[in-house]
C-alpha cells in the first residue's frame, strides 16, 4: 500500500493505492473516503506529483472509474460528525423558518 498526503489541497486530504488490487482510496476533506476501482498505477503517481491534487482528480479520475463510498464511514461531512440536526416542534414544523419567523413558513399578505 502506497500513500501520499496533500497538505496544500483544499479538496483532498490524502490518498492510498493498492497496487495488487488497483484500488485508489481518496480521503476528501469534506466528504470522507471514497474507493476508486481499476485505477492504473500511473494515475496514482500522477496525482501524488500534481501541482494541484484537486485539478488532477477532476481531470483524470472523477467520473472515469467505478467508485464507492467507504462503508465504514457512517456520518457525513468532516470527521463523520453527521448532518446538522434540524430542530422540529411537536406539531412537526421546523423550529425556524427561512424568513426568521416561527410561523411554519406561512405568510399572510394581508398584514
Protein backbone atom coordinates (compact mmCIF):
# COMPACT_ATOMS: atom_id res chain seq x y z
CA UNK A 1 0.00 0.00 0.00
CA UNK A 2 1.40 3.36 -1.05
CA UNK A 3 0.20 6.66 0.35
CA UNK A 4 0.60 10.39 -0.18
CA UNK A 5 -0.77 13.43 1.66
CA UNK A 6 -1.92 16.74 0.20
CA UNK A 7 -1.34 19.44 2.79
CA UNK A 8 -1.97 22.24 0.27
CA UNK A 9 -5.13 20.82 -1.31
CA UNK A 10 -8.49 22.28 -0.36
CA UNK A 11 -10.27 19.20 -1.76
CA UNK A 12 -8.21 16.10 -0.98
CA UNK A 13 -6.54 15.31 2.34
CA UNK A 14 -4.73 12.11 1.31
CA UNK A 15 -4.59 9.08 -0.97
CA UNK A 16 -3.70 5.41 -0.66
CA UNK A 17 -3.16 2.97 -3.51
CA UNK A 18 -3.17 -0.83 -3.53
CA UNK A 19 -1.01 -1.91 -6.50
CA UNK A 20 -2.21 -5.53 -6.50
CA UNK A 21 -5.92 -4.67 -6.41
CA UNK A 22 -5.58 -1.42 -8.44
CA UNK A 23 -7.76 0.36 -5.89
CA UNK A 24 -7.31 4.04 -5.11
CA UNK A 25 -8.68 5.39 -1.83
CA UNK A 26 -9.10 9.15 -1.65
CA UNK A 27 -9.79 10.93 1.63
CA UNK A 28 -11.66 14.15 0.84
CA UNK A 29 -11.57 16.95 3.37
CA UNK A 30 -15.35 17.44 3.47
CA UNK A 31 -16.81 14.17 2.14
CA UNK A 32 -14.69 11.42 3.68
CA UNK A 33 -13.16 8.38 1.96
CA UNK A 34 -14.05 7.01 -1.45
CA UNK A 35 -12.65 3.95 -3.25
CA UNK A 36 -11.96 4.04 -7.00
CA UNK A 37 -11.54 0.68 -8.75
CA UNK A 38 -9.28 -0.44 -11.64
CA UNK A 39 -7.19 2.72 -11.45
CA UNK A 40 -3.82 2.44 -13.26
CA UNK A 41 -0.69 2.95 -11.17
CA UNK A 42 0.34 5.85 -13.40
CA UNK A 43 -2.71 7.86 -12.29
CA UNK A 44 -1.82 7.45 -8.62
CA UNK A 45 1.74 8.53 -9.36
CA UNK A 46 0.45 11.49 -11.36
CA UNK A 47 -1.92 12.50 -8.58
CA UNK A 48 0.88 12.45 -6.00
CA UNK A 49 3.15 14.52 -8.26
CA UNK A 50 0.48 17.01 -9.41
CA UNK A 51 0.77 20.70 -8.59
CA UNK A 52 -2.97 20.65 -7.76
CA UNK A 53 -4.43 17.37 -6.49
CA UNK A 54 -7.99 18.66 -6.93
CA UNK A 55 -7.47 19.67 -10.56
CA UNK A 56 -5.73 16.38 -11.33
CA UNK A 57 -8.57 14.44 -9.69
CA UNK A 58 -11.23 16.36 -11.66
CA UNK A 59 -9.39 15.94 -14.97
CA UNK A 60 -8.22 12.31 -14.72
CA UNK A 61 -10.18 10.37 -12.08
CA UNK A 62 -13.60 11.84 -11.34
CA UNK A 63 -16.43 10.11 -13.25
CA UNK A 64 -13.95 7.82 -15.04
CA UNK A 65 -13.80 4.88 -12.60
CA UNK A 66 -16.27 2.89 -10.56
CA UNK A 67 -16.48 4.50 -7.16
CA UNK A 68 -17.85 3.56 -3.75
CA UNK A 69 -18.05 5.47 -0.50
CA UNK A 70 -16.17 3.91 2.42
CA UNK A 71 -18.70 1.52 4.02
CA UNK A 72 -17.15 2.06 7.47
CA UNK A 73 -17.96 5.77 7.36
CA UNK A 74 -21.35 6.26 8.92
CA UNK A 75 -21.71 10.05 9.01
CA UNK A 76 -21.41 12.84 6.51
CA UNK A 77 -19.11 15.80 6.48
CA UNK A 78 -15.73 16.28 8.12
CA UNK A 79 -14.71 13.52 10.50
CA UNK A 80 -18.10 11.81 10.17
CA UNK A 81 -19.83 14.07 12.67
CA UNK A 82 -23.14 13.63 10.88
CA UNK A 83 -25.58 16.01 9.34
CA UNK A 84 -26.79 19.02 11.29
CA UNK A 85 -29.85 18.20 13.36
CA UNK A 86 -32.99 20.01 12.26
CA UNK A 87 -34.97 21.06 15.28
CA UNK A 88 -38.67 20.18 14.96
CA UNK A 89 -41.53 21.41 17.10
CA UNK A 90 -44.12 18.93 18.46
CA UNK A 91 -46.55 19.85 15.65
CA UNK A 92 -43.92 18.86 13.02
CA UNK A 93 -42.90 22.38 11.94
CA UNK A 94 -39.26 23.43 11.84
CA UNK A 95 -38.18 25.49 14.82
CA UNK A 96 -37.20 28.32 12.48
CA UNK A 97 -38.39 29.21 9.01
CA UNK A 98 -36.33 30.76 6.21
CA UNK A 99 -37.75 34.18 6.91
CA UNK A 100 -36.81 34.01 10.59
CA UNK A 101 -40.46 33.94 11.67
CA UNK A 102 -41.75 30.96 13.58
CA UNK A 103 -44.92 30.62 11.51
CA UNK A 104 -44.01 27.42 9.68
CA UNK A 105 -43.16 29.35 6.54
CA UNK A 106 -46.70 30.70 6.09
CA UNK A 107 -47.05 34.33 5.17
CA UNK A 108 -50.25 36.33 5.32
CA UNK A 109 -50.12 39.15 2.75
CA UNK A 110 -52.98 40.98 4.48
CA UNK A 111 -50.72 42.04 7.37
